[in-house]
Amino acid sequence: MACFLHLGQLLAAPQCPYAALDSSGIPTRDAKRRGAGWLPGLADMGWSNRLGGYEGFHLLLAVNPIGVIPGCGFGPASTKDQPLAETFFARRHAPHPGLASVGAPACGPYVVAKGFEGRVHQVTWWKAYGAQGICPPQRKSRSPGSKRLRRWVAGVRHIVETVYEKLAHPFRLDRERPHDLSGFQAPLAAKIALHNCCIWLHEQLGWPRLAFTDLVDWYVHAISHQAL
């Protein structure tokens, strides 16, 4: 955990003008299996647009404009976005040793997905924790926002979706089947640290920050060359 938080600081995540905040389902067990499984009372059943119905955790990530992850949190799969964000902002505002993974507060606003919308929640977050939320404007609302604003929000959302795709597939977060809570927390922190480290390394090499395939190809080529 300390590693990915340090890399987030190193890559100047706290100084970014805004941070994107979004959630995704992370399965820890086949939802069709019977019994309580290894994580009763911790993981449970939930719904994800990416996975459908699943058993596991509801992961919340803060992502900066270049794709660095400076903080994260998670709860049972059934946890809604708003209470998850409430805890995230509260612990950033008043740090707790047991929830250090949330990282430091952002310097600017948080661009949030539709699941976090709600005027009451956003007012509470601002007054209680100094966290300003920017929710994507609804096309059918009385104030749908400009086309330029909607396009900017869509671009921010694309970065978050790319980050989740990296964690779920190249780093195989979706394949973890932990038997206890630490068995989920440790791989999660390691994969986020690896993600941030790849971005740092790509910056040193002058490569596109999120083109991790290039790094994997380079590593395989180097190993093959040594074998020869």
C-alpha atoms as a PDB file:
ATOM      1  CA  MET A   1       0.000   0.000   0.000  1.00  0.00           C
ATOM      2  CA  ALA A   2       2.756   2.441   0.937  1.00  0.00           C
ATOM      3  CA  CYS A   3       4.377   1.769  -2.434  1.00  0.00           C
ATOM      4  CA  PHE A   4       1.422   2.775  -4.603  1.00  0.00           C
ATOM      5  CA  LEU A   5       0.709   5.824  -2.406  1.00  0.00           C
ATOM      6  CA  HIS A   6       4.360   6.924  -2.710  1.00  0.00           C
ATOM      7  CA  LEU A   7       4.263   6.494  -6.493  1.00  0.00           C
ATOM      8  CA  GLY A   8       1.064   8.538  -6.603  1.00  0.00           C
ATOM      9  CA  GLN A   9       2.859  11.345  -4.756  1.00  0.00           C
ATOM     10  CA  LEU A  10       5.938  10.964  -6.957  1.00  0.00           C
ATOM     11  CA  LEU A  11       3.847  11.378 -10.100  1.00  0.00           C
ATOM     12  CA  ALA A  12       2.382  14.623  -8.711  1.00  0.00           C
ATOM     13  CA  ALA A  13      -1.147  13.255  -8.427  1.00  0.00           C
ATOM     14  CA  PRO A  14      -2.101  15.603  -5.546  1.00  0.00           C
ATOM     15  CA  GLN A  15      -1.232  18.677  -7.657  1.00  0.00           C
ATOM     16  CA  CYS A  16      -3.528  17.724 -10.563  1.00  0.00           C
ATOM     17  CA  PRO A  17      -6.419  20.116 -11.315  1.00  0.00           C
ATOM     18  CA  TYR A  18      -9.031  17.399 -10.782  1.00  0.00           C
ATOM     19  CA  ALA A  19      -9.449  13.705 -10.035  1.00  0.00           C
ATOM     20  CA  ALA A  20     -11.930  11.215 -11.447  1.00  0.00           C
ATOM     21  CA  LEU A  21     -13.792   9.029  -8.961  1.00  0.00           C
ATOM     22  CA  ASP A  22     -15.523   5.872 -10.113  1.00  0.00           C
ATOM     23  CA  SER A  23     -16.325   2.357  -8.961  1.00  0.00           C
ATOM     24  CA  SER A  24     -16.381  -1.140 -10.402  1.00  0.00           C
ATOM     25  CA  GLY A  25     -17.252  -4.632  -9.257  1.00  0.00           C
ATOM     26  CA  ILE A  26     -14.397  -7.023  -8.445  1.00  0.00           C
ATOM     27  CA  PRO A  27     -15.450 -10.693  -8.231  1.00  0.00           C
ATOM     28  CA  THR A  28     -13.887 -12.903  -5.580  1.00  0.00           C
ATOM     29  CA  ARG A  29     -15.963 -16.048  -6.142  1.00  0.00           C
ATOM     30  CA  ASP A  30     -18.225 -17.599  -8.761  1.00  0.00           C
ATOM     31  CA  ALA A  31     -21.653 -16.129  -7.997  1.00  0.00           C
ATOM     32  CA  LYS A  32     -23.340 -19.446  -8.870  1.00  0.00           C
ATOM     33  CA  ARG A  33     -21.495 -21.458  -6.226  1.00  0.00           C
ATOM     34  CA  ARG A  34     -23.410 -22.507  -3.146  1.00  0.00           C
ATOM     35  CA  GLY A  35     -22.473 -21.791   0.440  1.00  0.00           C
ATOM     36  CA  ALA A  36     -21.035 -18.754   2.208  1.00  0.00           C
ATOM     37  CA  GLY A  37     -17.546 -19.022   0.685  1.00  0.00           C
ATOM     38  CA  TRP A  38     -14.335 -17.774   2.276  1.00  0.00           C
ATOM     39  CA  LEU A  39     -15.379 -14.166   2.992  1.00  0.00           C
ATOM     40  CA  PRO A  40     -18.777 -14.292   4.762  1.00  0.00           C
ATOM     41  CA  GLY A  41     -19.757 -10.904   6.147  1.00  0.00           C
ATOM     42  CA  LEU A  42     -17.159  -9.132   3.985  1.00  0.00           C
ATOM     43  CA  ALA A  43     -17.870  -9.910   0.328  1.00  0.00           C
ATOM     44  CA  ASP A  44     -21.466 -10.297  -0.853  1.00  0.00           C
ATOM     45  CA  MET A  45     -23.676 -10.180  -3.948  1.00  0.00           C
ATOM     46  CA  GLY A  46     -23.964  -7.055  -6.070  1.00  0.00           C
ATOM     47  CA  TRP A  47     -24.570  -5.769  -9.578  1.00  0.00           C
ATOM     48  CA  SER A  48     -22.023  -4.315 -11.993  1.00  0.00           C
ATOM     49  CA  ASN A  49     -22.639  -3.018 -15.509  1.00  0.00           C
ATOM     50  CA  ARG A  50     -19.353  -4.674 -16.479  1.00  0.00           C
ATOM     51  CA  LEU A  51     -19.976  -8.046 -14.815  1.00  0.00           C
ATOM     52  CA  GLY A  52     -23.718  -8.296 -14.258  1.00  0.00           C
ATOM     53  CA  GLY A  53     -24.548 -10.076 -11.000  1.00  0.00           C
ATOM     54  CA  TYR A  54     -21.390 -11.045  -9.098  1.00  0.00           C
ATOM     55  CA  GLU A  55     -20.055 -11.939  -5.646  1.00  0.00           C
ATOM     56  CA  GLY A  56     -17.162  -9.903  -4.322  1.00  0.00           C
ATOM     57  CA  PHE A  57     -16.234  -6.316  -3.536  1.00  0.00           C
ATOM     58  CA  HIS A  58     -17.197  -2.871  -4.803  1.00  0.00           C
ATOM     59  CA  LEU A  59     -13.924  -1.070  -5.622  1.00  0.00           C
ATOM     60  CA  LEU A  60     -13.638   2.724  -5.663  1.00  0.00           C
ATOM     61  CA  LEU A  61     -10.683   4.394  -7.402  1.00  0.00           C
ATOM     62  CA  ALA A  62      -9.463   7.960  -7.604  1.00  0.00           C
ATOM     63  CA  VAL A  63      -7.677   8.487 -10.932  1.00  0.00           C
ATOM     64  CA  ASN A  64      -5.779  11.590 -12.016  1.00  0.00           C
ATOM     65  CA  PRO A  65      -5.807  13.003 -15.592  1.00  0.00           C
ATOM     66  CA  ILE A  66      -2.845  10.887 -16.753  1.00  0.00           C
ATOM     67  CA  GLY A  67      -4.152   7.631 -15.291  1.00  0.00           C
ATOM     68  CA  VAL A  68      -2.256   7.487 -11.976  1.00  0.00           C
ATOM     69  CA  ILE A  69      -4.179   5.973  -9.031  1.00  0.00           C
ATOM     70  CA  PRO A  70      -3.478   8.047  -5.888  1.00  0.00           C
ATOM     71  CA  GLY A  71      -6.090   6.376  -3.691  1.00  0.00           C
ATOM     72  CA  CYS A  72      -8.658   3.609  -3.437  1.00  0.00           C
ATOM     73  CA  GLY A  73     -11.227   2.030  -1.147  1.00  0.00           C
ATOM     74  CA  PHE A  74     -13.658  -0.846  -1.281  1.00  0.00           C
ATOM     75  CA  GLY A  75     -16.673  -2.364   0.413  1.00  0.00           C
ATOM     76  CA  PRO A  76     -19.034  -5.311  -0.056  1.00  0.00           C
ATOM     77  CA  ALA A  77     -20.437  -5.667  -3.574  1.00  0.00           C
ATOM     78  CA  SER A  78     -23.871  -4.500  -2.415  1.00  0.00           C
ATOM     79  CA  THR A  79     -22.521  -1.119  -1.227  1.00  0.00           C
ATOM     80  CA  LYS A  80     -23.943   1.840  -3.158  1.00  0.00           C
ATOM     81  CA  ASP A  81     -21.709   4.477  -4.730  1.00  0.00           C
ATOM     82  CA  GLN A  82     -22.767   7.369  -2.477  1.00  0.00           C
ATOM     83  CA  PRO A  83     -21.954   5.789   0.932  1.00  0.00           C
ATOM     84  CA  LEU A  84     -18.713   4.411  -0.480  1.00  0.00           C
ATOM     85  CA  ALA A  85     -17.741   7.906  -1.619  1.00  0.00           C
ATOM     86  CA  GLU A  86     -18.864   9.341   1.740  1.00  0.00           C
ATOM     87  CA  THR A  87     -16.393   7.121   3.606  1.00  0.00           C
ATOM     88  CA  PHE A  88     -13.676   7.836   1.032  1.00  0.00           C
ATOM     89  CA  PHE A  89     -14.015  11.628   1.417  1.00  0.00           C
ATOM     90  CA  ALA A  90     -14.331  11.406   5.206  1.00  0.00           C
ATOM     91  CA  ARG A  91     -11.109   9.418   5.556  1.00  0.00           C
ATOM     92  CA  ARG A  92      -9.255  11.727   3.178  1.00  0.00           C
ATOM     93  CA  HIS A  93     -10.432  14.685   5.260  1.00  0.00           C
ATOM     94  CA  ALA A  94      -9.633  13.016   8.612  1.00  0.00           C
ATOM     95  CA  PRO A  95      -7.062  10.250   7.936  1.00  0.00           C
ATOM     96  CA  HIS A  96      -7.323   6.947   9.776  1.00  0.00           C
ATOM     97  CA  PRO A  97      -4.414   4.431   9.921  1.00  0.00           C
ATOM     98  CA  GLY A  98      -6.734   1.567   9.036  1.00  0.00           C
ATOM     99  CA  LEU A  99      -7.903   3.267   5.839  1.00  0.00           C
ATOM    100  CA  ALA A 100      -4.677   4.842   4.574  1.00  0.00           C
ATOM    101  CA  SER A 101      -5.328   3.499   1.057  1.00  0.00           C
ATOM    102  CA  VAL A 102      -7.657   6.440   0.294  1.00  0.00           C
ATOM    103  CA  GLY A 103      -4.606   8.691  -0.063  1.00  0.00           C
ATOM    104  CA  ALA A 104      -4.430  12.469   0.282  1.00  0.00           C
ATOM    105  CA  PRO A 105      -7.248  14.891  -0.646  1.00  0.00           C
ATOM    106  CA  ALA A 106      -7.317  16.132  -4.236  1.00  0.00           C
ATOM    107  CA  CYS A 107      -6.362  19.751  -4.908  1.00  0.00           C
ATOM    108  CA  GLY A 108      -9.340  20.236  -7.221  1.00  0.00           C
ATOM    109  CA  PRO A 109     -12.821  18.812  -7.755  1.00  0.00           C
ATOM    110  CA  TYR A 110     -13.789  15.186  -8.256  1.00  0.00           C
ATOM    111  CA  VAL A 111     -15.415  14.211 -11.536  1.00  0.00           C
ATOM    112  CA  VAL A 112     -17.895  11.506 -10.558  1.00  0.00           C
ATOM    113  CA  ALA A 113     -20.091   9.075 -12.480  1.00  0.00           C
ATOM    114  CA  LYS A 114     -23.899   9.061 -12.578  1.00  0.00           C
ATOM    115  CA  GLY A 115     -24.088   6.627  -9.663  1.00  0.00           C
ATOM    116  CA  PHE A 116     -22.746   9.376  -7.380  1.00  0.00           C
ATOM    117  CA  GLU A 117     -25.254  12.040  -8.397  1.00  0.00           C
ATOM    118  CA  GLY A 118     -27.589  13.646  -5.892  1.00  0.00           C
ATOM    119  CA  ARG A 119     -27.654  17.271  -4.793  1.00  0.00           C
ATOM    120  CA  VAL A 120     -27.903  16.393  -1.100  1.00  0.00           C
ATOM    121  CA  HIS A 121     -24.842  14.145  -1.229  1.00  0.00           C
ATOM    122  CA  GLN A 122     -22.738  16.665  -3.119  1.00  0.00           C
ATOM    123  CA  VAL A 123     -23.633  19.488  -0.701  1.00  0.00           C
ATOM    124  CA  THR A 124     -22.735  17.250   2.261  1.00  0.00           C
ATOM    125  CA  TRP A 125     -19.404  16.249   0.721  1.00  0.00           C
ATOM    126  CA  TRP A 126     -18.507  19.880   0.110  1.00  0.00           C
ATOM    127  CA  LYS A 127     -19.545  21.229   3.514  1.00  0.00           C
ATOM    128  CA  ALA A 128     -18.241  18.337   5.618  1.00  0.00           C
ATOM    129  CA  TYR A 129     -15.086  17.340   3.729  1.00  0.00           C
ATOM    130  CA  GLY A 130     -14.289  20.119   1.256  1.00  0.00           C
ATOM    131  CA  ALA A 131     -14.817  17.661  -1.611  1.00  0.00           C
ATOM    132  CA  GLN A 132     -16.494  19.175  -4.666  1.00  0.00           C
ATOM    133  CA  GLY A 133     -18.180  16.696  -6.998  1.00  0.00           C
ATOM    134  CA  ILE A 134     -18.803  17.330 -10.709  1.00  0.00           C
ATOM    135  CA  CYS A 135     -21.416  14.935 -12.071  1.00  0.00           C
ATOM    136  CA  PRO A 136     -21.967  14.417 -15.823  1.00  0.00           C
ATOM    137  CA  PRO A 137     -24.868  16.579 -17.010  1.00  0.00           C
ATOM    138  CA  GLN A 138     -28.025  14.766 -18.019  1.00  0.00           C
ATOM    139  CA  ARG A 139     -29.119  15.380 -21.615  1.00  0.00           C
ATOM    140  CA  LYS A 140     -32.824  15.429 -20.657  1.00  0.00           C
ATOM    141  CA  SER A 141     -32.389  17.744 -17.671  1.00  0.00           C
ATOM    142  CA  ARG A 142     -33.287  21.435 -17.705  1.00  0.00           C
ATOM    143  CA  SER A 143     -29.572  22.271 -17.688  1.00  0.00           C
ATOM    144  CA  PRO A 144     -27.894  19.576 -19.797  1.00  0.00           C
ATOM    145  CA  GLY A 145     -24.660  21.532 -20.076  1.00  0.00           C
ATOM    146  CA  SER A 146     -22.732  22.446 -23.189  1.00  0.00           C
ATOM    147  CA  LYS A 147     -21.518  19.958 -25.765  1.00  0.00           C
ATOM    148  CA  ARG A 148     -17.961  20.911 -24.835  1.00  0.00           C
ATOM    149  CA  LEU A 149     -18.582  20.056 -21.163  1.00  0.00           C
ATOM    150  CA  ARG A 150     -20.169  16.707 -22.004  1.00  0.00           C
ATOM    151  CA  ARG A 151     -17.231  15.868 -24.268  1.00  0.00           C
ATOM    152  CA  TRP A 152     -14.727  16.750 -21.529  1.00  0.00           C
ATOM    153  CA  VAL A 153     -16.527  14.568 -18.969  1.00  0.00           C
ATOM    154  CA  ALA A 154     -16.636  11.712 -21.499  1.00  0.00           C
ATOM    155  CA  GLY A 155     -12.854  12.027 -21.918  1.00  0.00           C
ATOM    156  CA  VAL A 156     -12.331  11.829 -18.159  1.00  0.00           C
ATOM    157  CA  ARG A 157     -14.566   8.757 -17.979  1.00  0.00           C
ATOM    158  CA  HIS A 158     -12.537   7.108 -20.755  1.00  0.00           C
ATOM    159  CA  ILE A 159      -9.341   7.376 -18.687  1.00  0.00           C
ATOM    160  CA  VAL A 160     -11.017   5.740 -15.678  1.00  0.00           C
ATOM    161  CA  GLU A 161     -12.406   2.914 -17.811  1.00  0.00           C
ATOM    162  CA  THR A 162      -8.931   2.333 -19.279  1.00  0.00           C
ATOM    163  CA  VAL A 163      -7.423   2.108 -15.784  1.00  0.00           C
ATOM    164  CA  TYR A 164     -10.035  -0.423 -14.648  1.00  0.00           C
ATOM    165  CA  GLU A 165      -9.413  -2.457 -17.804  1.00  0.00           C
ATOM    166  CA  LYS A 166      -5.680  -2.592 -17.009  1.00  0.00           C
ATOM    167  CA  LEU A 167      -6.311  -3.815 -13.472  1.00  0.00           C
ATOM    168  CA  ALA A 168      -8.930  -6.370 -14.470  1.00  0.00           C
ATOM    169  CA  HIS A 169      -7.179  -7.956 -17.449  1.00  0.00           C
ATOM    170  CA  PRO A 170      -3.386  -7.460 -17.860  1.00  0.00           C
ATOM    171  CA  PHE A 171      -2.985  -7.416 -14.054  1.00  0.00           C
ATOM    172  CA  ARG A 172      -5.684 -10.083 -13.561  1.00  0.00           C
ATOM    173  CA  LEU A 173      -7.474  -8.492 -10.597  1.00  0.00           C
ATOM    174  CA  ASP A 174     -10.680 -10.204 -11.714  1.00  0.00           C
ATOM    175  CA  ARG A 175      -8.959 -13.587 -11.324  1.00  0.00           C
ATOM    176  CA  GLU A 176      -8.096 -13.250  -7.623  1.00  0.00           C
ATOM    177  CA  ARG A 177      -9.920 -15.725  -5.363  1.00  0.00           C
ATOM    178  CA  PRO A 178      -8.868 -14.673  -1.841  1.00  0.00           C
ATOM    179  CA  HIS A 179      -9.548 -16.778   1.234  1.00  0.00           C
ATOM    180  CA  ASP A 180      -9.396 -13.874   3.694  1.00  0.00           C
ATOM    181  CA  LEU A 181      -9.473 -10.076   3.636  1.00  0.00           C
ATOM    182  CA  SER A 182      -5.695  -9.653   3.549  1.00  0.00           C
ATOM    183  CA  GLY A 183      -5.650 -12.005   0.559  1.00  0.00           C
ATOM    184  CA  PHE A 184      -7.628  -9.368  -1.328  1.00  0.00           C
ATOM    185  CA  GLN A 185      -6.001  -6.234   0.073  1.00  0.00           C
ATOM    186  CA  ALA A 186      -2.386  -7.253  -0.608  1.00  0.00           C
ATOM    187  CA  PRO A 187      -2.841  -8.191  -4.310  1.00  0.00           C
ATOM    188  CA  LEU A 188      -4.976  -5.081  -4.848  1.00  0.00           C
ATOM    189  CA  ALA A 189      -2.255  -2.805  -3.428  1.00  0.00           C
ATOM    190  CA  ALA A 190       0.427  -4.670  -5.421  1.00  0.00           C
ATOM    191  CA  LYS A 191      -1.478  -4.337  -8.711  1.00  0.00           C
ATOM    192  CA  ILE A 192      -2.163  -0.634  -8.186  1.00  0.00           C
ATOM    193  CA  ALA A 193       1.534  -0.135  -7.342  1.00  0.00           C
ATOM    194  CA  LEU A 194       2.485  -1.990 -10.526  1.00  0.00           C
ATOM    195  CA  HIS A 195       0.071   0.158 -12.528  1.00  0.00           C
ATOM    196  CA  ASN A 196       1.560   3.393 -11.145  1.00  0.00           C
ATOM    197  CA  CYS A 197       5.095   2.041 -11.609  1.00  0.00           C
ATOM    198  CA  CYS A 198       4.397   1.281 -15.278  1.00  0.00           C
ATOM    199  CA  ILE A 199       3.250   4.869 -15.814  1.00  0.00           C
ATOM    200  CA  TRP A 200       6.387   6.184 -14.101  1.00  0.00           C
ATOM    201  CA  LEU A 201       8.619   3.939 -16.224  1.00  0.00           C
ATOM    202  CA  HIS A 202       6.843   4.928 -19.438  1.00  0.00           C
ATOM    203  CA  GLU A 203       7.445   8.589 -18.590  1.00  0.00           C
ATOM    204  CA  GLN A 204      11.179   7.869 -18.186  1.00  0.00           C
ATOM    205  CA  LEU A 205      11.270   6.040 -21.539  1.00  0.00           C
ATOM    206  CA  GLY A 206       9.143   8.600 -23.373  1.00  0.00           C
ATOM    207  CA  TRP A 207       6.433   6.025 -24.137  1.00  0.00           C
ATOM    208  CA  PRO A 208       2.665   6.604 -24.012  1.00  0.00           C
ATOM    209  CA  ARG A 209       1.773   6.378 -20.325  1.00  0.00           C
ATOM    210  CA  LEU A 210      -0.993   3.783 -20.549  1.00  0.00           C
ATOM    211  CA  ALA A 211       0.383   1.679 -23.417  1.00  0.00           C
ATOM    212  CA  PHE A 212       1.388  -1.164 -21.121  1.00  0.00           C
ATOM    213  CA  THR A 213       1.408  -3.655 -23.999  1.00  0.00           C
ATOM    214  CA  ASP A 214       4.632  -2.046 -25.232  1.00  0.00           C
ATOM    215  CA  LEU A 215       6.251  -2.675 -21.850  1.00  0.00           C
ATOM    216  CA  VAL A 216       5.143  -6.311 -21.787  1.00  0.00           C
ATOM    217  CA  ASP A 217       6.470  -6.832 -25.339  1.00  0.00           C
ATOM    218  CA  TRP A 218       9.775  -5.233 -24.363  1.00  0.00           C
ATOM    219  CA  TYR A 219      10.049  -7.471 -21.280  1.00  0.00           C
ATOM    220  CA  VAL A 220       9.311 -10.642 -23.269  1.00  0.00           C
ATOM    221  CA  HIS A 221      11.852  -9.633 -25.935  1.00  0.00           C
ATOM    222  CA  ALA A 222      14.507  -8.977 -23.272  1.00  0.00           C
ATOM    223  CA  ILE A 223      13.910 -12.327 -21.572  1.00  0.00           C
ATOM    224  CA  SER A 224      14.023 -14.152 -24.933  1.00  0.00           C
ATOM    225  CA  HIS A 225      17.268 -12.414 -25.855  1.00  0.00           C
ATOM    226  CA  GLN A 226      18.875 -13.441 -22.534  1.00  0.00           C
ATOM    227  CA  ALA A 227      17.773 -17.049 -23.086  1.00  0.00           C
ATOM    228  CA  LEU A 228      19.547 -17.081 -26.445  1.00  0.00           C
END
